[in-house]
Amino acid sequence: MTAKISGLWLPLVTPFKDGAIDFESYDRLVNHYIAKGVDGLLPLGTTGEAPALDEDEIAAVIERTLAVADGRVPVFAGVGGNATAKVEKELKRLRHLPIAGILSVCPYYNRPSQDGLVAHFRRIADATDSNVVIYNIPYRTAVNLSNDSLLELAEVPNIVGVKDSSGSVEQSLELLRRKPADFAVLTGEDALFFTMRANGAEGGILAASHVMSEGFVEVERCFRAEDLSGARKAWAPLSRFVPMLFAEANPMPIKHLLWRQGLIASPECRLPLTKISDGLARRLDAVFAEKKAAA
């Protein structure tokens, strides 16, 4: 499969209640965001707290996402790690699930060289028939996949794109200038969604679109319609709000707001994540109250 990934994708949170996955809330989220107009769903990313889930829970989340989405939008799943053979084993274990593709993060902590990164992703691509989107996020992994390495990997038929969270606007813009036409760059830097889309990125995989979703959908709609002024107008209120969602560890602030809106039953995260500070909670609640009053 070589279908191009594009548009606004949501990396879903995983709701918990009393230590267990809250599938009732999860079903509500899937239906809610499909109705809002997101282009795709991505469970089991960083926002989904995938490292805190066990193997059975991972399979259950993917199965539930596919069942509730029921073909209305494509589903990619986060499948990655810092031991290549373990990722291959996980892909084999999940092979029976009809996902459209996977998002696989650069190996973290052990800081491989560029040739190690290239070899890692070649092995992953060879281990699956699914589309592969690489996730480059150096400030979490301590390793930066260079544009040269990424463009080499773009030649692999089922490596179809990148979630670009390089943290460097210069690197990101260079990638957009150099990438082949059939390779998708989706920003994972929520605050740069407008900037990257305006410079030719195919979309974004944005945790912040859990909140003020209509605004993110409208930005994407305007770019597709080549309406730059409309996109700028839709982006203005989002640009002021997005930084608050990442003032403390993701997804704690987002879960707090989803809980306040009644979309999930609890803002609970799994250790080592806890909950947001009282100060940030007051700030987010004030914004939510203002938004509700204006609706």
C-alpha atoms as a PDB file:
ATOM      1  CA  MET A   1       0.000   0.000   0.000  1.00  0.00           C
ATOM      2  CA  THR A   2       1.324   3.419  -0.920  1.00  0.00           C
ATOM      3  CA  ALA A   3      -1.661   5.709  -0.324  1.00  0.00           C
ATOM      4  CA  LYS A   4      -0.569   9.198   0.669  1.00  0.00           C
ATOM      5  CA  ILE A   5      -1.413  10.393   4.165  1.00  0.00           C
ATOM      6  CA  SER A   6      -2.629  13.989   4.401  1.00  0.00           C
ATOM      7  CA  GLY A   7      -4.873  16.391   6.270  1.00  0.00           C
ATOM      8  CA  LEU A   8      -5.641  16.763   9.962  1.00  0.00           C
ATOM      9  CA  TRP A   9      -4.942  13.631  12.014  1.00  0.00           C
ATOM     10  CA  LEU A  10      -5.772  13.198  15.688  1.00  0.00           C
ATOM     11  CA  PRO A  11      -3.365  11.278  17.952  1.00  0.00           C
ATOM     12  CA  LEU A  12      -5.995  10.005  20.370  1.00  0.00           C
ATOM     13  CA  VAL A  13      -5.661  10.084  24.146  1.00  0.00           C
ATOM     14  CA  THR A  14      -6.286   6.820  25.993  1.00  0.00           C
ATOM     15  CA  PRO A  15      -8.862   7.476  28.737  1.00  0.00           C
ATOM     16  CA  PHE A  16      -8.400   5.673  32.038  1.00  0.00           C
ATOM     17  CA  LYS A  17     -10.714   5.165  34.992  1.00  0.00           C
ATOM     18  CA  ASP A  18      -9.553   3.529  38.209  1.00  0.00           C
ATOM     19  CA  GLY A  19      -6.460   2.189  36.472  1.00  0.00           C
ATOM     20  CA  ALA A  20      -8.212   0.536  33.532  1.00  0.00           C
ATOM     21  CA  ILE A  21      -8.856   1.758  29.996  1.00  0.00           C
ATOM     22  CA  ASP A  22     -12.214   3.504  29.891  1.00  0.00           C
ATOM     23  CA  PHE A  23     -13.583   2.185  26.606  1.00  0.00           C
ATOM     24  CA  GLU A  24     -16.933   3.911  27.035  1.00  0.00           C
ATOM     25  CA  SER A  25     -15.171   7.271  26.994  1.00  0.00           C
ATOM     26  CA  TYR A  26     -12.877   6.093  24.196  1.00  0.00           C
ATOM     27  CA  ASP A  27     -15.822   5.196  21.960  1.00  0.00           C
ATOM     28  CA  ARG A  28     -17.284   8.631  22.637  1.00  0.00           C
ATOM     29  CA  LEU A  29     -14.037  10.307  21.582  1.00  0.00           C
ATOM     30  CA  VAL A  30     -13.741   8.351  18.335  1.00  0.00           C
ATOM     31  CA  ASN A  31     -17.290   9.210  17.303  1.00  0.00           C
ATOM     32  CA  HIS A  32     -16.938  12.820  18.448  1.00  0.00           C
ATOM     33  CA  TYR A  33     -13.828  13.590  16.421  1.00  0.00           C
ATOM     34  CA  ILE A  34     -14.987  11.805  13.302  1.00  0.00           C
ATOM     35  CA  ALA A  35     -18.119  13.962  13.498  1.00  0.00           C
ATOM     36  CA  LYS A  36     -15.934  17.056  13.904  1.00  0.00           C
ATOM     37  CA  GLY A  37     -14.236  16.274  10.597  1.00  0.00           C
ATOM     38  CA  VAL A  38     -10.738  14.978  11.325  1.00  0.00           C
ATOM     39  CA  ASP A  39      -9.161  13.150   8.396  1.00  0.00           C
ATOM     40  CA  GLY A  40      -7.651  10.253  10.328  1.00  0.00           C
ATOM     41  CA  LEU A  41      -7.133   8.748  13.769  1.00  0.00           C
ATOM     42  CA  LEU A  42      -3.895   7.674  15.359  1.00  0.00           C
ATOM     43  CA  PRO A  43      -4.138   5.698  18.594  1.00  0.00           C
ATOM     44  CA  LEU A  44      -1.123   4.681  20.693  1.00  0.00           C
ATOM     45  CA  GLY A  45       1.148   7.642  20.117  1.00  0.00           C
ATOM     46  CA  THR A  46       2.827   9.691  22.828  1.00  0.00           C
ATOM     47  CA  THR A  47      -0.523  11.398  23.446  1.00  0.00           C
ATOM     48  CA  GLY A  48      -2.088   7.957  23.885  1.00  0.00           C
ATOM     49  CA  GLU A  49       0.457   7.025  26.602  1.00  0.00           C
ATOM     50  CA  ALA A  50       1.391   3.919  24.616  1.00  0.00           C
ATOM     51  CA  PRO A  51       4.491   3.108  26.733  1.00  0.00           C
ATOM     52  CA  ALA A  52       2.217   2.682  29.757  1.00  0.00           C
ATOM     53  CA  LEU A  53      -0.016   0.075  28.073  1.00  0.00           C
ATOM     54  CA  ASP A  54       0.593  -3.674  28.072  1.00  0.00           C
ATOM     55  CA  GLU A  55       0.412  -5.886  24.976  1.00  0.00           C
ATOM     56  CA  ASP A  56      -3.214  -6.913  25.448  1.00  0.00           C
ATOM     57  CA  GLU A  57      -4.293  -3.315  25.998  1.00  0.00           C
ATOM     58  CA  ILE A  58      -2.466  -2.177  22.855  1.00  0.00           C
ATOM     59  CA  ALA A  59      -4.261  -4.748  20.712  1.00  0.00           C
ATOM     60  CA  ALA A  60      -7.590  -3.920  22.386  1.00  0.00           C
ATOM     61  CA  VAL A  61      -7.221  -0.180  21.697  1.00  0.00           C
ATOM     62  CA  ILE A  62      -6.468  -0.773  18.016  1.00  0.00           C
ATOM     63  CA  GLU A  63      -9.362  -3.217  17.675  1.00  0.00           C
ATOM     64  CA  ARG A  64     -11.743  -0.764  19.367  1.00  0.00           C
ATOM     65  CA  THR A  65     -10.607   2.140  17.200  1.00  0.00           C
ATOM     66  CA  LEU A  66     -11.167   0.133  14.029  1.00  0.00           C
ATOM     67  CA  ALA A  67     -14.545  -1.143  15.193  1.00  0.00           C
ATOM     68  CA  VAL A  68     -15.933   2.263  16.187  1.00  0.00           C
ATOM     69  CA  ALA A  69     -14.428   4.141  13.229  1.00  0.00           C
ATOM     70  CA  ASP A  70     -15.902   1.438  10.981  1.00  0.00           C
ATOM     71  CA  GLY A  71     -14.114   2.625   7.860  1.00  0.00           C
ATOM     72  CA  ARG A  72     -15.252   6.256   8.163  1.00  0.00           C
ATOM     73  CA  VAL A  73     -11.653   7.494   8.457  1.00  0.00           C
ATOM     74  CA  PRO A  74      -8.305   5.708   8.117  1.00  0.00           C
ATOM     75  CA  VAL A  75      -6.537   4.481  11.260  1.00  0.00           C
ATOM     76  CA  PHE A  76      -2.776   4.389  11.780  1.00  0.00           C
ATOM     77  CA  ALA A  77      -1.385   2.974  15.039  1.00  0.00           C
ATOM     78  CA  GLY A  78       1.729   3.883  16.954  1.00  0.00           C
ATOM     79  CA  VAL A  79       4.187   0.986  16.830  1.00  0.00           C
ATOM     80  CA  GLY A  80       7.751   1.845  17.737  1.00  0.00           C
ATOM     81  CA  GLY A  81      10.589   1.353  20.181  1.00  0.00           C
ATOM     82  CA  ASN A  82      14.318   1.453  20.697  1.00  0.00           C
ATOM     83  CA  ALA A  83      15.010  -2.233  20.000  1.00  0.00           C
ATOM     84  CA  THR A  84      14.491  -3.100  16.344  1.00  0.00           C
ATOM     85  CA  ALA A  85      13.792  -6.807  16.893  1.00  0.00           C
ATOM     86  CA  LYS A  86      11.131  -6.015  19.501  1.00  0.00           C
ATOM     87  CA  VAL A  87       9.350  -3.663  17.097  1.00  0.00           C
ATOM     88  CA  GLU A  88       9.441  -6.361  14.420  1.00  0.00           C
ATOM     89  CA  LYS A  89       7.919  -8.806  16.919  1.00  0.00           C
ATOM     90  CA  GLU A  90       5.178  -6.318  17.809  1.00  0.00           C
ATOM     91  CA  LEU A  91       4.354  -5.803  14.131  1.00  0.00           C
ATOM     92  CA  LYS A  92       4.063  -9.552  13.673  1.00  0.00           C
ATOM     93  CA  ARG A  93       1.758  -9.780  16.686  1.00  0.00           C
ATOM     94  CA  LEU A  94      -0.518  -7.047  15.305  1.00  0.00           C
ATOM     95  CA  ARG A  95      -0.423  -8.218  11.693  1.00  0.00           C
ATOM     96  CA  HIS A  96      -4.006  -9.509  11.770  1.00  0.00           C
ATOM     97  CA  LEU A  97      -5.439  -6.044  12.472  1.00  0.00           C
ATOM     98  CA  PRO A  98      -6.505  -4.139   9.315  1.00  0.00           C
ATOM     99  CA  ILE A  99      -4.892  -0.794  10.109  1.00  0.00           C
ATOM    100  CA  ALA A 100      -4.036   1.550   7.234  1.00  0.00           C
ATOM    101  CA  GLY A 101      -0.512   2.049   8.551  1.00  0.00           C
ATOM    102  CA  ILE A 102       1.784   2.669  11.500  1.00  0.00           C
ATOM    103  CA  LEU A 103       3.543   5.645  13.046  1.00  0.00           C
ATOM    104  CA  SER A 104       6.966   4.596  14.291  1.00  0.00           C
ATOM    105  CA  VAL A 105       9.101   6.843  16.480  1.00  0.00           C
ATOM    106  CA  CYS A 106      12.868   7.143  16.148  1.00  0.00           C
ATOM    107  CA  PRO A 107      14.622   4.840  18.621  1.00  0.00           C
ATOM    108  CA  TYR A 108      14.967   6.717  21.883  1.00  0.00           C
ATOM    109  CA  TYR A 109      17.499   6.745  24.717  1.00  0.00           C
ATOM    110  CA  ASN A 110      20.230   4.644  23.052  1.00  0.00           C
ATOM    111  CA  ARG A 111      21.040   7.421  20.534  1.00  0.00           C
ATOM    112  CA  PRO A 112      21.854   5.459  17.350  1.00  0.00           C
ATOM    113  CA  SER A 113      23.892   6.943  14.516  1.00  0.00           C
ATOM    114  CA  GLN A 114      22.288   7.945  11.224  1.00  0.00           C
ATOM    115  CA  ASP A 115      23.183   4.606   9.624  1.00  0.00           C
ATOM    116  CA  GLY A 116      21.599   2.838  12.600  1.00  0.00           C
ATOM    117  CA  LEU A 117      18.412   4.865  12.197  1.00  0.00           C
ATOM    118  CA  VAL A 118      18.238   4.094   8.480  1.00  0.00           C
ATOM    119  CA  ALA A 119      18.815   0.376   9.108  1.00  0.00           C
ATOM    120  CA  HIS A 120      16.178   0.376  11.878  1.00  0.00           C
ATOM    121  CA  PHE A 121      13.448   1.851   9.680  1.00  0.00           C
ATOM    122  CA  ARG A 122      14.359  -0.320   6.696  1.00  0.00           C
ATOM    123  CA  ARG A 123      13.887  -3.376   8.902  1.00  0.00           C
ATOM    124  CA  ILE A 124      10.548  -2.076  10.189  1.00  0.00           C
ATOM    125  CA  ALA A 125       9.303  -1.335   6.674  1.00  0.00           C
ATOM    126  CA  ASP A 126      10.344  -4.817   5.600  1.00  0.00           C
ATOM    127  CA  ALA A 127       8.479  -6.353   8.553  1.00  0.00           C
ATOM    128  CA  THR A 128       5.070  -4.951   7.602  1.00  0.00           C
ATOM    129  CA  ASP A 129       2.842  -4.675   4.572  1.00  0.00           C
ATOM    130  CA  SER A 130       1.347  -1.497   6.034  1.00  0.00           C
ATOM    131  CA  ASN A 131       2.278   2.073   5.252  1.00  0.00           C
ATOM    132  CA  VAL A 132       4.933   3.477   7.590  1.00  0.00           C
ATOM    133  CA  VAL A 133       5.133   7.066   8.797  1.00  0.00           C
ATOM    134  CA  ILE A 134       8.340   7.913  10.642  1.00  0.00           C
ATOM    135  CA  TYR A 135       8.110  10.073  13.768  1.00  0.00           C
ATOM    136  CA  ASN A 136      11.108  12.362  14.262  1.00  0.00           C
ATOM    137  CA  ILE A 137      10.975  14.095  17.658  1.00  0.00           C
ATOM    138  CA  PRO A 138      14.535  14.724  18.907  1.00  0.00           C
ATOM    139  CA  TYR A 139      13.596  16.486  22.135  1.00  0.00           C
ATOM    140  CA  ARG A 140      11.969  13.256  23.329  1.00  0.00           C
ATOM    141  CA  THR A 141      14.274  10.685  21.716  1.00  0.00           C
ATOM    142  CA  ALA A 142      17.681  12.436  22.010  1.00  0.00           C
ATOM    143  CA  VAL A 143      18.395  11.650  18.340  1.00  0.00           C
ATOM    144  CA  ASN A 144      17.566  13.682  15.238  1.00  0.00           C
ATOM    145  CA  LEU A 145      16.896  11.902  11.953  1.00  0.00           C
ATOM    146  CA  SER A 146      18.631  14.109   9.380  1.00  0.00           C
ATOM    147  CA  ASN A 147      16.904  15.160   6.188  1.00  0.00           C
ATOM    148  CA  ASP A 148      19.486  13.219   4.187  1.00  0.00           C
ATOM    149  CA  SER A 149      18.636  10.034   6.093  1.00  0.00           C
ATOM    150  CA  LEU A 150      14.904  10.666   5.873  1.00  0.00           C
ATOM    151  CA  LEU A 151      15.047  11.241   2.121  1.00  0.00           C
ATOM    152  CA  GLU A 152      16.996   8.015   1.727  1.00  0.00           C
ATOM    153  CA  LEU A 153      14.219   6.228   3.628  1.00  0.00           C
ATOM    154  CA  ALA A 154      11.585   7.955   1.479  1.00  0.00           C
ATOM    155  CA  GLU A 155      12.763   5.721  -1.366  1.00  0.00           C
ATOM    156  CA  VAL A 156      11.433   2.660   0.487  1.00  0.00           C
ATOM    157  CA  PRO A 157       8.021   1.966  -1.128  1.00  0.00           C
ATOM    158  CA  ASN A 158       5.942   1.651   2.037  1.00  0.00           C
ATOM    159  CA  ILE A 159       7.611   4.487   3.974  1.00  0.00           C
ATOM    160  CA  VAL A 160       5.088   7.115   2.937  1.00  0.00           C
ATOM    161  CA  GLY A 161       5.696  10.066   5.227  1.00  0.00           C
ATOM    162  CA  VAL A 162       7.012  11.649   8.386  1.00  0.00           C
ATOM    163  CA  LYS A 163       5.509  13.232  11.463  1.00  0.00           C
ATOM    164  CA  ASP A 164       7.970  16.085  11.663  1.00  0.00           C
ATOM    165  CA  SER A 165       8.641  17.336  15.175  1.00  0.00           C
ATOM    166  CA  SER A 166      12.298  18.134  14.563  1.00  0.00           C
ATOM    167  CA  GLY A 167      12.021  21.336  16.594  1.00  0.00           C
ATOM    168  CA  SER A 168      13.942  23.193  13.886  1.00  0.00           C
ATOM    169  CA  VAL A 169      11.982  25.377  11.469  1.00  0.00           C
ATOM    170  CA  GLU A 170      15.064  25.506   9.265  1.00  0.00           C
ATOM    171  CA  GLN A 171      15.273  21.709   9.065  1.00  0.00           C
ATOM    172  CA  SER A 172      11.533  21.412   8.459  1.00  0.00           C
ATOM    173  CA  LEU A 173      11.461  23.963   5.652  1.00  0.00           C
ATOM    174  CA  GLU A 174      14.495  22.379   4.008  1.00  0.00           C
ATOM    175  CA  LEU A 175      12.693  19.032   4.118  1.00  0.00           C
ATOM    176  CA  LEU A 176       9.666  20.550   2.394  1.00  0.00           C
ATOM    177  CA  ARG A 177      11.901  21.943  -0.355  1.00  0.00           C
ATOM    178  CA  ARG A 178      13.697  18.647  -0.953  1.00  0.00           C
ATOM    179  CA  LYS A 179      11.081  15.948  -0.426  1.00  0.00           C
ATOM    180  CA  PRO A 180       9.677  13.922  -3.341  1.00  0.00           C
ATOM    181  CA  ALA A 181       6.105  14.720  -4.363  1.00  0.00           C
ATOM    182  CA  ASP A 182       4.742  11.362  -3.190  1.00  0.00           C
ATOM    183  CA  PHE A 183       6.241  11.643   0.315  1.00  0.00           C
ATOM    184  CA  ALA A 184       4.045  13.318   2.945  1.00  0.00           C
ATOM    185  CA  VAL A 185       5.307  15.706   5.610  1.00  0.00           C
ATOM    186  CA  LEU A 186       2.828  16.167   8.450  1.00  0.00           C
ATOM    187  CA  THR A 187       3.871  18.473  11.229  1.00  0.00           C
ATOM    188  CA  GLY A 188       3.739  17.256  14.803  1.00  0.00           C
ATOM    189  CA  GLU A 189       4.552  20.733  16.092  1.00  0.00           C
ATOM    190  CA  ASP A 190       1.073  21.984  16.902  1.00  0.00           C
ATOM    191  CA  ALA A 191       2.176  25.624  17.107  1.00  0.00           C
ATOM    192  CA  LEU A 192       3.625  25.402  13.589  1.00  0.00           C
ATOM    193  CA  PHE A 193       0.544  23.968  11.864  1.00  0.00           C
ATOM    194  CA  PHE A 194      -0.220  27.175   9.962  1.00  0.00           C
ATOM    195  CA  THR A 195       3.419  27.826   9.086  1.00  0.00           C
ATOM    196  CA  MET A 196       4.092  24.322   7.835  1.00  0.00           C
ATOM    197  CA  ARG A 197       0.837  24.056   5.882  1.00  0.00           C
ATOM    198  CA  ALA A 198       1.545  27.446   4.282  1.00  0.00           C
ATOM    199  CA  ASN A 199       4.935  26.130   3.153  1.00  0.00           C
ATOM    200  CA  GLY A 200       3.629  22.953   1.561  1.00  0.00           C
ATOM    201  CA  ALA A 201       3.257  20.359   4.322  1.00  0.00           C
ATOM    202  CA  GLU A 202       0.516  17.838   3.621  1.00  0.00           C
ATOM    203  CA  GLY A 203      -1.081  18.208   7.050  1.00  0.00           C
ATOM    204  CA  GLY A 204      -0.549  17.713  10.739  1.00  0.00           C
ATOM    205  CA  ILE A 205      -0.816  15.078  13.467  1.00  0.00           C
ATOM    206  CA  LEU A 206      -1.878  17.379  16.258  1.00  0.00           C
ATOM    207  CA  ALA A 207      -2.702  16.563  19.873  1.00  0.00           C
ATOM    208  CA  ALA A 208      -4.055  20.088  20.323  1.00  0.00           C
ATOM    209  CA  SER A 209      -6.880  19.357  17.889  1.00  0.00           C
ATOM    210  CA  HIS A 210      -8.597  17.453  20.732  1.00  0.00           C
ATOM    211  CA  VAL A 211      -9.606  20.967  21.825  1.00  0.00           C
ATOM    212  CA  MET A 212     -11.139  23.714  19.635  1.00  0.00           C
ATOM    213  CA  SER A 213     -11.347  21.009  16.987  1.00  0.00           C
ATOM    214  CA  GLU A 214     -13.579  23.078  14.712  1.00  0.00           C
ATOM    215  CA  GLY A 215     -10.827  25.669  14.389  1.00  0.00           C
ATOM    216  CA  PHE A 216      -8.210  23.127  13.339  1.00  0.00           C
ATOM    217  CA  VAL A 217     -10.616  21.550  10.853  1.00  0.00           C
ATOM    218  CA  GLU A 218     -11.342  25.005   9.421  1.00  0.00           C
ATOM    219  CA  VAL A 219      -7.637  25.801   9.017  1.00  0.00           C
ATOM    220  CA  GLU A 220      -7.183  22.565   7.091  1.00  0.00           C
ATOM    221  CA  ARG A 221     -10.296  23.216   4.984  1.00  0.00           C
ATOM    222  CA  CYS A 222      -9.037  26.684   4.046  1.00  0.00           C
ATOM    223  CA  PHE A 223      -5.639  25.398   2.980  1.00  0.00           C
ATOM    224  CA  ARG A 224      -7.273  22.782   0.772  1.00  0.00           C
ATOM    225  CA  ALA A 225      -9.338  25.543  -0.791  1.00  0.00           C
ATOM    226  CA  GLU A 226      -6.166  27.646  -1.222  1.00  0.00           C
ATOM    227  CA  ASP A 227      -7.738  30.298   1.018  1.00  0.00           C
ATOM    228  CA  LEU A 228      -4.706  31.632   2.853  1.00  0.00           C
ATOM    229  CA  SER A 229      -6.487  34.588   4.426  1.00  0.00           C
ATOM    230  CA  GLY A 230      -9.237  32.315   5.713  1.00  0.00           C
ATOM    231  CA  ALA A 231      -6.663  29.930   7.166  1.00  0.00           C
ATOM    232  CA  ARG A 232      -4.891  32.815   8.857  1.00  0.00           C
ATOM    233  CA  LYS A 233      -8.140  34.069  10.381  1.00  0.00           C
ATOM    234  CA  ALA A 234      -9.043  30.579  11.659  1.00  0.00           C
ATOM    235  CA  TRP A 235      -5.539  30.078  13.052  1.00  0.00           C
ATOM    236  CA  ALA A 236      -5.351  33.328  15.066  1.00  0.00           C
ATOM    237  CA  PRO A 237      -7.340  32.171  18.135  1.00  0.00           C
ATOM    238  CA  LEU A 238      -5.689  28.746  18.043  1.00  0.00           C
ATOM    239  CA  SER A 239      -2.180  30.188  18.042  1.00  0.00           C
ATOM    240  CA  ARG A 240      -2.828  31.886  21.390  1.00  0.00           C
ATOM    241  CA  PHE A 241      -4.325  28.774  22.979  1.00  0.00           C
ATOM    242  CA  VAL A 242      -2.039  25.953  21.764  1.00  0.00           C
ATOM    243  CA  PRO A 243       0.962  26.780  24.014  1.00  0.00           C
ATOM    244  CA  MET A 244      -1.203  26.355  27.129  1.00  0.00           C
ATOM    245  CA  LEU A 245      -1.895  22.740  26.174  1.00  0.00           C
ATOM    246  CA  PHE A 246       1.815  21.967  26.351  1.00  0.00           C
ATOM    247  CA  ALA A 247       2.714  24.053  29.395  1.00  0.00           C
ATOM    248  CA  GLU A 248       2.918  20.742  31.291  1.00  0.00           C
ATOM    249  CA  ALA A 249       3.441  17.179  30.084  1.00  0.00           C
ATOM    250  CA  ASN A 250       1.169  16.039  27.260  1.00  0.00           C
ATOM    251  CA  PRO A 251      -1.532  14.670  27.489  1.00  0.00           C
ATOM    252  CA  MET A 252      -2.271  15.881  31.040  1.00  0.00           C
ATOM    253  CA  PRO A 253      -3.633  19.333  30.075  1.00  0.00           C
ATOM    254  CA  ILE A 254      -5.686  17.911  27.188  1.00  0.00           C
ATOM    255  CA  LYS A 255      -7.187  15.211  29.400  1.00  0.00           C
ATOM    256  CA  HIS A 256      -8.115  17.848  31.951  1.00  0.00           C
ATOM    257  CA  LEU A 257     -10.080  19.797  29.354  1.00  0.00           C
ATOM    258  CA  LEU A 258     -11.714  16.702  27.875  1.00  0.00           C
ATOM    259  CA  TRP A 259     -12.830  15.772  31.379  1.00  0.00           C
ATOM    260  CA  ARG A 260     -14.187  19.286  31.984  1.00  0.00           C
ATOM    261  CA  GLN A 261     -16.197  19.001  28.757  1.00  0.00           C
ATOM    262  CA  GLY A 262     -17.613  15.625  29.775  1.00  0.00           C
ATOM    263  CA  LEU A 263     -15.974  13.789  26.879  1.00  0.00           C
ATOM    264  CA  ILE A 264     -14.033  11.503  29.217  1.00  0.00           C
ATOM    265  CA  ALA A 265     -15.028  10.336  32.694  1.00  0.00           C
ATOM    266  CA  SER A 266     -11.693  11.120  34.353  1.00  0.00           C
ATOM    267  CA  PRO A 267      -8.520  13.122  33.609  1.00  0.00           C
ATOM    268  CA  GLU A 268      -6.511  10.170  34.932  1.00  0.00           C
ATOM    269  CA  CYS A 269      -3.123   9.346  33.417  1.00  0.00           C
ATOM    270  CA  ARG A 270      -0.822   6.436  34.179  1.00  0.00           C
ATOM    271  CA  LEU A 271       2.363   6.851  36.144  1.00  0.00           C
ATOM    272  CA  PRO A 272       4.846   8.364  35.700  1.00  0.00           C
ATOM    273  CA  LEU A 273       2.330  10.979  34.472  1.00  0.00           C
ATOM    274  CA  THR A 274       0.019  12.388  37.131  1.00  0.00           C
ATOM    275  CA  LYS A 275      -2.177  15.493  36.768  1.00  0.00           C
ATOM    276  CA  ILE A 276      -1.701  19.138  35.910  1.00  0.00           C
ATOM    277  CA  SER A 277      -0.907  21.744  38.536  1.00  0.00           C
ATOM    278  CA  ASP A 278      -3.693  23.726  40.196  1.00  0.00           C
ATOM    279  CA  GLY A 279      -2.401  26.889  38.542  1.00  0.00           C
ATOM    280  CA  LEU A 280      -2.611  25.490  35.013  1.00  0.00           C
ATOM    281  CA  ALA A 281      -6.006  23.952  35.802  1.00  0.00           C
ATOM    282  CA  ARG A 282      -7.338  27.390  36.745  1.00  0.00           C
ATOM    283  CA  ARG A 283      -5.962  28.929  33.539  1.00  0.00           C
ATOM    284  CA  LEU A 284      -7.411  26.189  31.335  1.00  0.00           C
ATOM    285  CA  ASP A 285     -10.757  26.289  33.126  1.00  0.00           C
ATOM    286  CA  ALA A 286     -10.956  30.048  32.569  1.00  0.00           C
ATOM    287  CA  VAL A 287     -10.334  29.630  28.840  1.00  0.00           C
ATOM    288  CA  PHE A 288     -12.894  26.830  28.659  1.00  0.00           C
ATOM    289  CA  ALA A 289     -15.475  28.952  30.504  1.00  0.00           C
ATOM    290  CA  GLU A 290     -14.811  31.873  28.139  1.00  0.00           C
ATOM    291  CA  LYS A 291     -15.177  29.605  25.100  1.00  0.00           C
ATOM    292  CA  LYS A 292     -18.421  28.129  26.481  1.00  0.00           C
ATOM    293  CA  ALA A 293     -19.849  31.593  27.154  1.00  0.00           C
ATOM    294  CA  ALA A 294     -19.033  32.712  23.610  1.00  0.00           C
ATOM    295  CA  ALA A 295     -20.674  29.645  22.044  1.00  0.00           C
END
